[in-house]
Amino acid sequence: MTNAASSNVPDSGEVRTSTADGIATVSFYHPKGNSLPGALLRAIAGAVEAAGADATVRVIVLRSEGAGPFCAGASFDELMRIEDSATGQHFFAGFATLILAMRRCPCPIVTRVHGKVAGGGVGIVAASDYVVAVRKASLRLSELAVGIGPFVVGPVIERRTGPGAFAAMALDAQWRDAEWGERFGLYAQVHETEQELDAAVTSLSSELARANPEATRLLKQVFWQGTDEWDALLAERAAMSGRLVLSDHTRRAIAAFNNR
């Protein structure tokens, strides 16, 4: 049996969920490179929470749509509209909301990465339990280049890569290839083509859908040990970014970046 649901969010973003044979597929789309306005972040988080609460779901496949990037990170259009620190904190808390939803989800989250990943998108990858990517799916953290810093997504990326690799990503905005992502734990598998990518995602998700749900639930708890204080930590980090986005330096950098 297949169930499907969708939700439209402001700025032309969309989230869709379909469920079949114990697998919930959550897909998101935004016309600007699958960038992430706050409403879209919260819609993805809501879809993950709903799928995790469905007793028939054994595994979630998270993916984005389109032929371009998997995720271009934060919506620069929305960043430019922020006028006070409270609004800034609320925007960046959207990333925290999604990361925490993925952390609390009782079933494994397998993420399909078909293209480049930037900024907050790297946080989505790092918060996944298993990531399958194509070789062209390079990654970078561009936050410092626009005057902010990967504060909210930092803990989940550092947890996955280790502090040295996270510091390297945070301090320069170079693209790192998929092999780098695999070497430092962001990707579990890297494939040459999208055909191979889809076959690997289907195979793994089907296998996990047949696994003992109690075992996978307990594994999720093991994976996320030591993160009990993250609600407060990520809120503090969102406040940091919310203040920084108001600085003249950051506003000039975002405007220049957005006009490329």
Protein backbone atom coordinates (compact mmCIF):
# COMPACT_ATOMS: atom_id res chain seq x y z
CA MET A 1 0.00 0.00 0.00
CA THR A 2 1.26 3.48 -0.86
CA ASN A 3 0.27 6.68 0.91
CA ALA A 4 1.33 10.12 -0.31
CA ALA A 5 1.15 13.61 1.13
CA SER A 6 2.56 16.97 0.16
CA SER A 7 2.83 20.46 1.57
CA ASN A 8 3.61 23.73 -0.14
CA VAL A 9 5.56 26.34 1.80
CA PRO A 10 6.36 30.01 1.08
CA ASP A 11 8.95 30.94 -1.57
CA SER A 12 7.82 28.07 -3.82
CA GLY A 13 9.31 25.27 -1.76
CA GLU A 14 7.62 21.92 -1.44
CA VAL A 15 7.88 18.79 0.70
CA ARG A 16 6.35 15.48 -0.32
CA THR A 17 6.02 12.24 1.61
CA SER A 18 5.07 8.84 0.21
CA THR A 19 4.94 5.59 2.14
CA ALA A 20 5.07 2.04 0.81
CA ASP A 21 6.24 -1.30 2.22
CA GLY A 22 7.58 0.21 5.43
CA ILE A 23 9.60 2.91 3.63
CA ALA A 24 8.65 6.60 3.94
CA THR A 25 10.24 8.77 1.27
CA VAL A 26 10.48 12.44 2.24
CA SER A 27 11.51 14.69 -0.66
CA PHE A 28 12.01 18.44 -0.72
CA TYR A 29 12.38 20.96 -3.50
CA HIS A 30 13.14 24.64 -3.89
CA PRO A 31 13.64 26.31 -7.28
CA LYS A 32 16.82 28.07 -6.12
CA GLY A 33 19.12 25.08 -5.94
CA ASN A 34 17.10 23.37 -3.21
CA SER A 35 17.99 26.19 -0.85
CA LEU A 36 16.34 26.25 2.55
CA PRO A 37 14.04 29.05 3.73
CA GLY A 38 12.90 28.67 7.32
CA ALA A 39 9.41 27.43 6.42
CA LEU A 40 10.85 24.70 4.22
CA LEU A 41 13.23 23.59 6.99
CA ARG A 42 10.31 23.26 9.38
CA ALA A 43 8.19 21.47 6.80
CA ILE A 44 10.94 18.87 6.27
CA ALA A 45 11.26 18.49 10.05
CA GLY A 46 7.50 18.01 10.33
CA ALA A 47 7.53 15.37 7.60
CA VAL A 48 10.35 13.48 9.34
CA GLU A 49 8.49 13.65 12.67
CA ALA A 50 5.25 12.42 11.10
CA ALA A 51 6.97 9.54 9.34
CA GLY A 52 8.79 8.58 12.53
CA ALA A 53 5.47 8.52 14.42
CA ASP A 54 3.87 6.20 11.83
CA ALA A 55 3.90 2.66 13.25
CA THR A 56 4.06 1.21 9.72
CA VAL A 57 7.28 3.05 8.83
CA ARG A 58 10.56 1.19 9.38
CA VAL A 59 12.96 3.49 7.52
CA ILE A 60 12.92 7.00 6.05
CA VAL A 61 14.57 7.90 2.74
CA LEU A 62 15.36 11.63 2.60
CA ARG A 63 16.04 13.17 -0.80
CA SER A 64 15.73 16.37 -2.80
CA GLU A 65 14.39 16.84 -6.30
CA GLY A 66 15.71 18.34 -9.52
CA ALA A 67 18.89 17.86 -11.53
CA GLY A 68 20.99 20.49 -9.73
CA PRO A 69 22.37 20.56 -6.19
CA PHE A 70 21.15 18.29 -3.43
CA CYS A 71 21.03 21.40 -1.26
CA ALA A 72 22.45 24.91 -1.63
CA GLY A 73 22.08 25.69 2.08
CA ALA A 74 20.32 28.64 3.70
CA SER A 75 18.05 30.84 1.60
CA PHE A 76 20.02 34.04 0.91
CA ASP A 77 16.81 35.82 -0.01
CA GLU A 78 15.49 35.19 3.48
CA LEU A 79 18.81 36.08 5.09
CA MET A 80 18.68 39.48 3.39
CA ARG A 81 15.23 40.15 4.88
CA ILE A 82 16.30 39.61 8.51
CA GLU A 83 16.06 42.92 10.41
CA ASP A 84 16.53 41.99 14.07
CA SER A 85 18.29 39.36 16.15
CA ALA A 86 15.08 37.60 17.22
CA THR A 87 14.10 37.03 13.59
CA GLY A 88 17.65 35.91 12.85
CA GLN A 89 17.62 33.42 15.69
CA HIS A 90 14.25 32.09 14.56
CA PHE A 91 15.55 31.53 11.03
CA PHE A 92 18.69 29.67 12.11
CA ALA A 93 16.67 27.69 14.66
CA GLY A 94 15.01 26.09 11.64
CA PHE A 95 18.22 24.13 11.06
CA ALA A 96 18.19 23.09 14.72
CA THR A 97 14.56 21.98 14.41
CA LEU A 98 15.40 19.70 11.49
CA ILE A 99 18.57 18.28 13.05
CA LEU A 100 16.74 17.53 16.29
CA ALA A 101 13.84 15.92 14.41
CA MET A 102 16.30 13.63 12.63
CA ARG A 103 18.03 12.89 15.94
CA ARG A 104 14.77 11.96 17.68
CA CYS A 105 13.33 9.94 14.81
CA PRO A 106 13.06 6.33 16.03
CA CYS A 107 13.84 4.75 12.67
CA PRO A 108 16.95 5.01 10.46
CA ILE A 109 17.19 7.88 7.98
CA VAL A 110 18.90 7.04 4.68
CA THR A 111 19.73 10.13 2.64
CA ARG A 112 20.12 10.13 -1.14
CA VAL A 113 22.56 12.80 -2.38
CA HIS A 114 22.44 13.35 -6.14
CA GLY A 115 24.41 16.61 -6.39
CA LYS A 116 26.49 19.23 -4.62
CA VAL A 117 25.91 20.04 -0.96
CA ALA A 118 26.62 23.43 0.61
CA GLY A 119 26.23 25.10 4.00
CA GLY A 120 23.26 23.84 5.98
CA GLY A 121 22.83 20.97 3.53
CA VAL A 122 26.02 19.47 4.96
CA GLY A 123 24.25 19.52 8.32
CA ILE A 124 21.37 17.48 6.86
CA VAL A 125 23.87 14.97 5.49
CA ALA A 126 25.67 14.74 8.82
CA ALA A 127 22.41 14.27 10.75
CA SER A 128 21.46 11.29 8.58
CA ASP A 129 22.12 7.76 9.75
CA TYR A 130 23.38 6.55 6.37
CA VAL A 131 24.16 8.58 3.24
CA VAL A 132 24.49 7.34 -0.33
CA ALA A 133 25.94 9.83 -2.83
CA VAL A 134 27.15 10.15 -6.40
CA ARG A 135 30.74 11.01 -7.20
CA LYS A 136 29.85 14.52 -8.36
CA ALA A 137 28.35 15.32 -4.93
CA SER A 138 31.08 17.59 -3.58
CA LEU A 139 30.60 19.46 -0.31
CA ARG A 140 31.54 22.76 1.27
CA LEU A 141 30.73 25.00 4.22
CA SER A 142 30.43 28.54 2.88
CA GLU A 143 29.12 30.28 6.02
CA LEU A 144 32.34 32.04 7.04
CA ALA A 145 32.72 33.36 3.50
CA VAL A 146 29.45 35.26 3.96
CA GLY A 147 30.33 36.53 7.43
CA ILE A 148 28.55 34.02 9.64
CA GLY A 149 29.90 30.57 10.50
CA PRO A 150 28.50 27.02 10.61
CA PHE A 151 27.38 27.35 14.22
CA VAL A 152 24.09 25.45 14.28
CA VAL A 153 25.17 22.64 11.96
CA GLY A 154 28.63 22.51 13.52
CA PRO A 155 27.95 19.99 16.32
CA VAL A 156 26.36 17.41 14.03
CA ILE A 157 29.11 17.78 11.39
CA GLU A 158 31.89 17.59 13.97
CA ARG A 159 30.24 14.52 15.49
CA ARG A 160 30.42 12.84 12.09
CA THR A 161 33.79 13.99 10.76
CA GLY A 162 35.83 14.67 13.88
CA PRO A 163 37.07 18.10 15.02
CA GLY A 164 40.00 18.40 12.60
CA ALA A 165 37.98 17.84 9.44
CA PHE A 166 35.18 20.08 10.71
CA ALA A 167 37.63 22.90 11.47
CA ALA A 168 39.08 22.60 7.96
CA MET A 169 35.61 22.80 6.39
CA ALA A 170 34.58 25.70 8.62
CA LEU A 171 37.67 27.83 7.94
CA ASP A 172 37.76 27.63 4.16
CA ALA A 173 35.04 27.39 1.55
CA GLN A 174 36.80 25.01 -0.80
CA TRP A 175 34.75 22.30 -2.43
CA ARG A 176 35.66 18.86 -1.09
CA ASP A 177 35.01 15.91 -3.36
CA ALA A 178 32.81 12.94 -2.58
CA GLU A 179 35.85 10.81 -1.77
CA TRP A 180 36.71 13.30 0.98
CA GLY A 181 33.14 13.03 2.23
CA GLU A 182 33.39 9.25 2.30
CA ARG A 183 36.78 9.32 4.01
CA PHE A 184 35.49 11.50 6.83
CA GLY A 185 32.20 9.69 7.37
CA LEU A 186 29.72 12.06 5.72
CA TYR A 187 29.04 9.53 2.96
CA ALA A 188 28.73 5.78 3.53
CA GLN A 189 28.67 4.91 -0.18
CA VAL A 190 29.71 6.79 -3.33
CA HIS A 191 28.49 5.72 -6.78
CA GLU A 192 29.29 6.79 -10.32
CA THR A 193 25.76 7.26 -11.65
CA GLU A 194 22.30 8.14 -10.37
CA GLN A 195 21.13 4.72 -11.57
CA GLU A 196 23.62 3.07 -9.25
CA LEU A 197 22.71 5.57 -6.52
CA ASP A 198 19.02 4.68 -6.73
CA ALA A 199 19.72 0.96 -6.80
CA ALA A 200 21.84 1.25 -3.64
CA VAL A 201 19.23 3.36 -1.82
CA THR A 202 16.44 0.94 -2.78
CA SER A 203 18.46 -2.09 -1.72
CA LEU A 204 19.46 -0.67 1.66
CA SER A 205 16.05 0.83 2.51
CA SER A 206 14.31 -2.45 1.62
CA GLU A 207 16.73 -4.37 3.82
CA LEU A 208 16.19 -1.96 6.73
CA ALA A 209 12.40 -2.15 6.28
CA ARG A 210 12.67 -5.90 6.95
CA ALA A 211 14.92 -5.48 10.00
CA ASN A 212 13.77 -5.83 13.60
CA PRO A 213 12.27 -2.38 14.38
CA GLU A 214 13.21 -2.68 18.05
CA ALA A 215 16.83 -3.30 17.09
CA THR A 216 16.96 -0.32 14.74
CA ARG A 217 15.27 1.89 17.35
CA LEU A 218 17.89 0.93 19.92
CA LEU A 219 20.67 1.48 17.39
CA LYS A 220 19.39 5.03 16.84
CA GLN A 221 19.70 5.64 20.57
CA VAL A 222 23.26 4.31 20.51
CA PHE A 223 24.18 6.45 17.49
CA TRP A 224 23.05 9.63 19.25
CA GLN A 225 24.43 9.03 22.73
CA GLY A 226 25.95 12.15 24.24
CA THR A 227 23.61 14.60 22.51
CA ASP A 228 21.02 15.05 25.26
CA GLU A 229 21.97 18.72 25.72
CA TRP A 230 21.64 19.62 22.05
CA ASP A 231 18.29 21.43 22.39
CA ALA A 232 19.99 24.10 24.48
CA LEU A 233 23.27 24.00 22.55
CA LEU A 234 21.67 24.50 19.13
CA ALA A 235 19.46 27.29 20.48
CA GLU A 236 22.61 29.10 21.67
CA ARG A 237 24.24 28.57 18.29
CA ALA A 238 21.16 29.92 16.47
CA ALA A 239 21.37 33.05 18.61
CA MET A 240 25.04 33.51 17.59
CA SER A 241 24.15 33.36 13.90
CA GLY A 242 21.09 35.55 14.44
CA ARG A 243 23.31 38.32 15.81
CA LEU A 244 26.05 37.96 13.20
CA VAL A 245 23.68 38.15 10.24
CA LEU A 246 22.86 41.76 11.20
CA SER A 247 26.43 43.02 10.96
CA ASP A 248 27.39 45.32 8.07
CA HIS A 249 30.18 42.92 7.11
CA THR A 250 27.75 40.02 6.79
CA ARG A 251 25.10 42.01 4.94
CA ARG A 252 27.63 43.14 2.34
CA ALA A 253 29.02 39.61 1.96
CA ILE A 254 25.57 38.04 1.55
CA ALA A 255 24.52 40.66 -0.99
CA ALA A 256 27.69 40.08 -3.04
CA PHE A 257 27.29 36.31 -2.83
CA ASN A 258 23.61 36.49 -3.78
CA ASN A 259 24.33 38.66 -6.82
CA ARG A 260 26.84 36.32 -8.40
